Amino acid sequence: AADGPEDAATIAADIAKLEGDAAKSAQVADILADLYQQVGYWDRALEMARLSLRLAPNAPGPPLRLGYLEIALGRLKSGTEYYRKAIALAPGAAEPHVALALAHELAGDTASAETE
């Protein structure tokens, strides 16, 4: 835990370095997206998740994270579109199917939720 301004400055410098590394690594961008999501920095989380998607357009993780973020921000349509993209990239993976089913439930579409 940060004990004072020096610790906070060190943490800020470490995060700035990671953001520089994120420009070259989808994995680092995804880790930062997760970190920002956990502390409620939604704009930064979205920015890092979008960067991760640009760097790894064929990986199911980035659209899955973007789906979670969009749903958390109340954008169900956009969130479900990202979930569908994750499913298209990894049709056998359970997590995007479950996420899409939950999004359908949130939208009140229980029939679609049950088919996922």
N, C-alpha and C. Protein backbone atom coordinates (compact mmCIF):
# COMPACT_ATOMS: atom_id res chain seq x y z
N ALA A 1 0.84 -1.19 0.00
CA ALA A 1 0.00 0.00 0.00
C ALA A 1 0.88 1.24 0.00
N ALA A 2 0.41 2.25 -0.68
CA ALA A 2 1.16 3.51 -0.74
C ALA A 2 1.09 4.20 0.61
N ASP A 3 2.25 4.58 1.14
CA ASP A 3 2.30 5.22 2.44
C ASP A 3 2.41 6.73 2.36
N GLY A 4 2.73 7.25 1.23
CA GLY A 4 2.89 8.69 1.13
C GLY A 4 3.07 9.12 -0.30
N PRO A 5 3.34 10.42 -0.48
CA PRO A 5 3.49 10.96 -1.84
C PRO A 5 4.60 10.29 -2.64
N GLU A 6 5.69 9.88 -1.96
CA GLU A 6 6.79 9.24 -2.68
C GLU A 6 6.32 7.91 -3.28
N ASP A 7 5.57 7.14 -2.48
CA ASP A 7 5.07 5.86 -2.97
C ASP A 7 4.09 6.08 -4.12
N ALA A 8 3.22 7.07 -3.99
CA ALA A 8 2.25 7.36 -5.05
C ALA A 8 2.97 7.77 -6.33
N ALA A 9 4.04 8.55 -6.19
CA ALA A 9 4.80 8.98 -7.37
C ALA A 9 5.47 7.78 -8.04
N THR A 10 5.98 6.86 -7.24
CA THR A 10 6.61 5.65 -7.78
C THR A 10 5.58 4.80 -8.52
N ILE A 11 4.41 4.65 -7.92
CA ILE A 11 3.34 3.87 -8.56
C ILE A 11 2.93 4.53 -9.88
N ALA A 12 2.78 5.85 -9.87
CA ALA A 12 2.40 6.57 -11.09
C ALA A 12 3.46 6.39 -12.18
N ALA A 13 4.73 6.43 -11.80
CA ALA A 13 5.81 6.24 -12.76
C ALA A 13 5.79 4.82 -13.33
N ASP A 14 5.52 3.84 -12.47
CA ASP A 14 5.44 2.45 -12.92
C ASP A 14 4.28 2.27 -13.90
N ILE A 15 3.15 2.87 -13.60
CA ILE A 15 2.00 2.75 -14.49
C ILE A 15 2.29 3.45 -15.82
N ALA A 16 2.94 4.59 -15.79
CA ALA A 16 3.30 5.30 -17.03
C ALA A 16 4.21 4.43 -17.89
N LYS A 17 5.16 3.74 -17.25
CA LYS A 17 6.04 2.84 -18.00
C LYS A 17 5.24 1.70 -18.62
N LEU A 18 4.33 1.13 -17.84
CA LEU A 18 3.49 0.04 -18.36
C LEU A 18 2.64 0.52 -19.54
N GLU A 19 2.13 1.74 -19.46
CA GLU A 19 1.35 2.26 -20.58
C GLU A 19 2.20 2.39 -21.83
N GLY A 20 3.45 2.76 -21.68
CA GLY A 20 4.36 2.79 -22.82
C GLY A 20 4.56 1.40 -23.39
N ASP A 21 4.71 0.41 -22.49
CA ASP A 21 4.87 -0.98 -22.93
C ASP A 21 3.60 -1.50 -23.59
N ALA A 22 2.44 -1.01 -23.16
CA ALA A 22 1.15 -1.48 -23.69
C ALA A 22 1.02 -1.20 -25.17
N ALA A 23 1.69 -0.16 -25.65
CA ALA A 23 1.61 0.18 -27.07
C ALA A 23 2.18 -0.94 -27.94
N LYS A 24 2.96 -1.83 -27.33
CA LYS A 24 3.59 -2.92 -28.08
C LYS A 24 3.09 -4.29 -27.68
N SER A 25 2.28 -4.38 -26.64
CA SER A 25 1.88 -5.68 -26.11
C SER A 25 0.40 -5.72 -25.74
N ALA A 26 -0.34 -6.58 -26.42
CA ALA A 26 -1.76 -6.74 -26.11
C ALA A 26 -1.94 -7.24 -24.67
N GLN A 27 -1.03 -8.08 -24.23
CA GLN A 27 -1.13 -8.62 -22.87
C GLN A 27 -0.97 -7.52 -21.83
N VAL A 28 0.00 -6.64 -22.01
CA VAL A 28 0.19 -5.53 -21.06
C VAL A 28 -1.02 -4.59 -21.12
N ALA A 29 -1.52 -4.31 -22.31
CA ALA A 29 -2.70 -3.45 -22.44
C ALA A 29 -3.89 -4.07 -21.72
N ASP A 30 -4.05 -5.40 -21.83
CA ASP A 30 -5.16 -6.07 -21.16
C ASP A 30 -5.00 -6.03 -19.64
N ILE A 31 -3.79 -6.21 -19.16
CA ILE A 31 -3.54 -6.13 -17.71
C ILE A 31 -3.90 -4.73 -17.20
N LEU A 32 -3.50 -3.72 -17.94
CA LEU A 32 -3.84 -2.34 -17.53
C LEU A 32 -5.34 -2.10 -17.62
N ALA A 33 -5.99 -2.64 -18.64
CA ALA A 33 -7.45 -2.50 -18.74
C ALA A 33 -8.11 -3.10 -17.50
N ASP A 34 -7.63 -4.26 -17.08
CA ASP A 34 -8.17 -4.91 -15.88
C ASP A 34 -7.93 -4.05 -14.65
N LEU A 35 -6.72 -3.54 -14.51
CA LEU A 35 -6.38 -2.68 -13.37
C LEU A 35 -7.29 -1.46 -13.33
N TYR A 36 -7.40 -0.77 -14.45
CA TYR A 36 -8.24 0.43 -14.49
C TYR A 36 -9.71 0.10 -14.24
N GLN A 37 -10.16 -1.04 -14.73
CA GLN A 37 -11.54 -1.46 -14.49
C GLN A 37 -11.76 -1.66 -12.98
N GLN A 38 -10.82 -2.31 -12.32
CA GLN A 38 -10.96 -2.60 -10.90
C GLN A 38 -11.01 -1.35 -10.03
N VAL A 39 -10.34 -0.30 -10.46
CA VAL A 39 -10.35 0.94 -9.67
C VAL A 39 -11.37 1.95 -10.18
N GLY A 40 -12.15 1.55 -11.19
CA GLY A 40 -13.23 2.41 -11.66
C GLY A 40 -12.82 3.50 -12.62
N TYR A 41 -11.66 3.38 -13.25
CA TYR A 41 -11.23 4.35 -14.26
C TYR A 41 -11.71 3.82 -15.62
N TRP A 42 -12.99 3.98 -15.86
CA TRP A 42 -13.64 3.36 -17.01
C TRP A 42 -13.08 3.83 -18.35
N ASP A 43 -12.84 5.12 -18.49
CA ASP A 43 -12.31 5.63 -19.77
C ASP A 43 -10.94 5.03 -20.07
N ARG A 44 -10.09 4.96 -19.06
CA ARG A 44 -8.75 4.39 -19.26
C ARG A 44 -8.86 2.88 -19.53
N ALA A 45 -9.77 2.21 -18.83
CA ALA A 45 -9.96 0.78 -19.05
C ALA A 45 -10.40 0.52 -20.49
N LEU A 46 -11.35 1.31 -20.98
CA LEU A 46 -11.80 1.17 -22.37
C LEU A 46 -10.67 1.43 -23.35
N GLU A 47 -9.89 2.47 -23.07
CA GLU A 47 -8.78 2.81 -23.96
C GLU A 47 -7.77 1.67 -24.05
N MET A 48 -7.42 1.09 -22.91
CA MET A 48 -6.45 -0.02 -22.90
C MET A 48 -7.06 -1.27 -23.54
N ALA A 49 -8.33 -1.53 -23.30
CA ALA A 49 -8.97 -2.71 -23.91
C ALA A 49 -9.05 -2.57 -25.42
N ARG A 50 -9.34 -1.36 -25.89
CA ARG A 50 -9.37 -1.13 -27.35
C ARG A 50 -7.99 -1.29 -27.96
N LEU A 51 -6.97 -0.83 -27.24
CA LEU A 51 -5.59 -1.00 -27.69
C LEU A 51 -5.26 -2.49 -27.77
N SER A 52 -5.64 -3.23 -26.76
CA SER A 52 -5.40 -4.67 -26.75
C SER A 52 -6.07 -5.34 -27.96
N LEU A 53 -7.28 -4.91 -28.28
CA LEU A 53 -7.99 -5.46 -29.44
C LEU A 53 -7.27 -5.12 -30.75
N ARG A 54 -6.75 -3.90 -30.85
CA ARG A 54 -6.01 -3.52 -32.07
C ARG A 54 -4.73 -4.35 -32.22
N LEU A 55 -4.08 -4.62 -31.09
CA LEU A 55 -2.82 -5.37 -31.12
C LEU A 55 -3.03 -6.88 -31.32
N ALA A 56 -4.18 -7.38 -30.89
CA ALA A 56 -4.46 -8.81 -31.00
C ALA A 56 -5.89 -9.01 -31.51
N PRO A 57 -6.13 -8.65 -32.77
CA PRO A 57 -7.50 -8.67 -33.30
C PRO A 57 -8.12 -10.06 -33.41
N ASN A 58 -7.31 -11.10 -33.34
CA ASN A 58 -7.84 -12.46 -33.47
C ASN A 58 -7.90 -13.22 -32.15
N ALA A 59 -7.64 -12.52 -31.06
CA ALA A 59 -7.72 -13.14 -29.73
C ALA A 59 -9.09 -12.85 -29.13
N PRO A 60 -9.71 -13.83 -28.47
CA PRO A 60 -11.04 -13.61 -27.90
C PRO A 60 -11.06 -12.77 -26.63
N GLY A 61 -9.93 -12.66 -25.94
CA GLY A 61 -9.89 -11.92 -24.68
C GLY A 61 -10.24 -10.44 -24.78
N PRO A 62 -9.64 -9.72 -25.72
CA PRO A 62 -9.95 -8.29 -25.80
C PRO A 62 -11.42 -7.97 -26.06
N PRO A 63 -12.09 -8.64 -27.01
CA PRO A 63 -13.51 -8.30 -27.16
C PRO A 63 -14.35 -8.74 -25.96
N LEU A 64 -13.93 -9.80 -25.28
CA LEU A 64 -14.65 -10.21 -24.08
C LEU A 64 -14.54 -9.12 -23.01
N ARG A 65 -13.34 -8.60 -22.79
CA ARG A 65 -13.17 -7.52 -21.80
C ARG A 65 -13.97 -6.29 -22.22
N LEU A 66 -13.91 -5.94 -23.50
CA LEU A 66 -14.68 -4.78 -23.97
C LEU A 66 -16.17 -5.00 -23.76
N GLY A 67 -16.63 -6.22 -23.93
CA GLY A 67 -18.03 -6.53 -23.65
C GLY A 67 -18.38 -6.27 -22.20
N TYR A 68 -17.53 -6.77 -21.30
CA TYR A 68 -17.75 -6.54 -19.87
C TYR A 68 -17.81 -5.05 -19.56
N LEU A 69 -16.86 -4.31 -20.10
CA LEU A 69 -16.81 -2.87 -19.83
C LEU A 69 -18.05 -2.16 -20.35
N GLU A 70 -18.43 -2.48 -21.58
CA GLU A 70 -19.61 -1.84 -22.17
C GLU A 70 -20.87 -2.16 -21.37
N ILE A 71 -21.02 -3.41 -20.96
CA ILE A 71 -22.18 -3.80 -20.16
C ILE A 71 -22.16 -3.06 -18.82
N ALA A 72 -21.01 -2.98 -18.19
CA ALA A 72 -20.89 -2.28 -16.90
C ALA A 72 -21.28 -0.82 -17.03
N LEU A 73 -21.05 -0.25 -18.20
CA LEU A 73 -21.39 1.15 -18.44
C LEU A 73 -22.82 1.31 -18.97
N GLY A 74 -23.57 0.20 -19.02
CA GLY A 74 -24.97 0.25 -19.42
C GLY A 74 -25.20 0.23 -20.92
N ARG A 75 -24.17 -0.10 -21.68
CA ARG A 75 -24.29 -0.14 -23.14
C ARG A 75 -24.45 -1.60 -23.58
N LEU A 76 -25.66 -2.11 -23.40
CA LEU A 76 -25.94 -3.52 -23.66
C LEU A 76 -25.71 -3.92 -25.11
N LYS A 77 -26.16 -3.10 -26.04
CA LYS A 77 -26.02 -3.46 -27.46
C LYS A 77 -24.55 -3.61 -27.84
N SER A 78 -23.76 -2.62 -27.47
CA SER A 78 -22.34 -2.67 -27.78
C SER A 78 -21.67 -3.85 -27.08
N GLY A 79 -22.02 -4.06 -25.82
CA GLY A 79 -21.45 -5.17 -25.06
C GLY A 79 -21.74 -6.52 -25.69
N THR A 80 -23.00 -6.71 -26.12
CA THR A 80 -23.35 -7.99 -26.74
C THR A 80 -22.64 -8.17 -28.08
N GLU A 81 -22.41 -7.08 -28.80
CA GLU A 81 -21.66 -7.19 -30.06
C GLU A 81 -20.23 -7.67 -29.81
N TYR A 82 -19.61 -7.14 -28.75
CA TYR A 82 -18.26 -7.60 -28.41
C TYR A 82 -18.28 -9.06 -27.97
N TYR A 83 -19.29 -9.46 -27.21
CA TYR A 83 -19.38 -10.87 -26.81
C TYR A 83 -19.51 -11.77 -28.03
N ARG A 84 -20.30 -11.35 -29.00
CA ARG A 84 -20.45 -12.15 -30.22
C ARG A 84 -19.13 -12.26 -30.97
N LYS A 85 -18.35 -11.19 -30.97
CA LYS A 85 -17.04 -11.23 -31.61
C LYS A 85 -16.13 -12.23 -30.89
N ALA A 86 -16.16 -12.22 -29.56
CA ALA A 86 -15.36 -13.17 -28.79
C ALA A 86 -15.79 -14.60 -29.09
N ILE A 87 -17.10 -14.83 -29.21
CA ILE A 87 -17.62 -16.16 -29.54
C ILE A 87 -17.16 -16.59 -30.93
N ALA A 88 -17.19 -15.66 -31.88
CA ALA A 88 -16.75 -15.99 -33.24
C ALA A 88 -15.27 -16.37 -33.26
N LEU A 89 -14.48 -15.76 -32.39
CA LEU A 89 -13.05 -16.05 -32.35
C LEU A 89 -12.73 -17.33 -31.58
N ALA A 90 -13.59 -17.68 -30.63
CA ALA A 90 -13.38 -18.89 -29.82
C ALA A 90 -14.72 -19.55 -29.53
N PRO A 91 -15.31 -20.18 -30.55
CA PRO A 91 -16.66 -20.72 -30.40
C PRO A 91 -16.81 -21.75 -29.28
N GLY A 92 -15.74 -22.44 -28.95
CA GLY A 92 -15.82 -23.46 -27.90
C GLY A 92 -15.61 -22.95 -26.50
N ALA A 93 -15.25 -21.69 -26.35
CA ALA A 93 -14.99 -21.13 -25.02
C ALA A 93 -16.32 -20.82 -24.32
N ALA A 94 -16.43 -21.24 -23.08
CA ALA A 94 -17.68 -21.06 -22.34
C ALA A 94 -17.90 -19.62 -21.89
N GLU A 95 -16.85 -18.93 -21.48
CA GLU A 95 -17.01 -17.60 -20.87
C GLU A 95 -17.76 -16.59 -21.75
N PRO A 96 -17.44 -16.46 -23.04
CA PRO A 96 -18.20 -15.49 -23.84
C PRO A 96 -19.67 -15.88 -24.00
N HIS A 97 -19.95 -17.20 -24.05
CA HIS A 97 -21.34 -17.65 -24.15
C HIS A 97 -22.12 -17.29 -22.89
N VAL A 98 -21.50 -17.54 -21.73
CA VAL A 98 -22.14 -17.21 -20.46
C VAL A 98 -22.35 -15.71 -20.35
N ALA A 99 -21.34 -14.94 -20.74
CA ALA A 99 -21.46 -13.48 -20.68
C ALA A 99 -22.59 -12.98 -21.57
N LEU A 100 -22.69 -13.56 -22.77
CA LEU A 100 -23.75 -13.14 -23.68
C LEU A 100 -25.12 -13.53 -23.12
N ALA A 101 -25.22 -14.70 -22.53
CA ALA A 101 -26.50 -15.11 -21.93
C ALA A 101 -26.90 -14.15 -20.81
N LEU A 102 -25.95 -13.76 -19.98
CA LEU A 102 -26.24 -12.82 -18.89
C LEU A 102 -26.65 -11.45 -19.44
N ALA A 103 -26.02 -11.04 -20.53
CA ALA A 103 -26.39 -9.76 -21.16
C ALA A 103 -27.83 -9.83 -21.69
N HIS A 104 -28.19 -10.97 -22.28
CA HIS A 104 -29.56 -11.14 -22.75
C HIS A 104 -30.54 -11.06 -21.57
N GLU A 105 -30.16 -11.67 -20.46
CA GLU A 105 -31.02 -11.60 -19.26
C GLU A 105 -31.16 -10.16 -18.78
N LEU A 106 -30.06 -9.42 -18.76
CA LEU A 106 -30.12 -8.01 -18.35
C LEU A 106 -31.06 -7.22 -19.24
N ALA A 107 -31.08 -7.58 -20.51
CA ALA A 107 -31.95 -6.88 -21.47
C ALA A 107 -33.40 -7.39 -21.40
N GLY A 108 -33.64 -8.40 -20.55
CA GLY A 108 -34.99 -8.93 -20.43
C GLY A 108 -35.33 -9.96 -21.49
N ASP A 109 -34.34 -10.44 -22.21
CA ASP A 109 -34.55 -11.40 -23.29
C ASP A 109 -34.19 -12.80 -22.78
N THR A 110 -35.07 -13.37 -21.96
CA THR A 110 -34.75 -14.66 -21.35
C THR A 110 -34.72 -15.80 -22.36
N ALA A 111 -35.49 -15.68 -23.43
CA ALA A 111 -35.47 -16.73 -24.45
C ALA A 111 -34.09 -16.84 -25.08
N SER A 112 -33.49 -15.72 -25.44
CA SER A 112 -32.13 -15.75 -26.01
C SER A 112 -31.12 -16.18 -24.97
N ALA A 113 -31.32 -15.77 -23.73
CA ALA A 113 -30.39 -16.15 -22.66
C ALA A 113 -30.34 -17.65 -22.51
N GLU A 114 -31.48 -18.29 -22.62
CA GLU A 114 -31.54 -19.75 -22.43
C GLU A 114 -30.89 -20.51 -23.59
N THR A 115 -30.81 -19.92 -24.77
CA THR A 115 -30.20 -20.62 -25.91
C THR A 115 -28.69 -20.49 -25.92
N GLU A 116 -28.14 -19.55 -25.19
CA GLU A 116 -26.68 -19.40 -25.13
C GLU A 116 -26.18 -20.50 -24.24
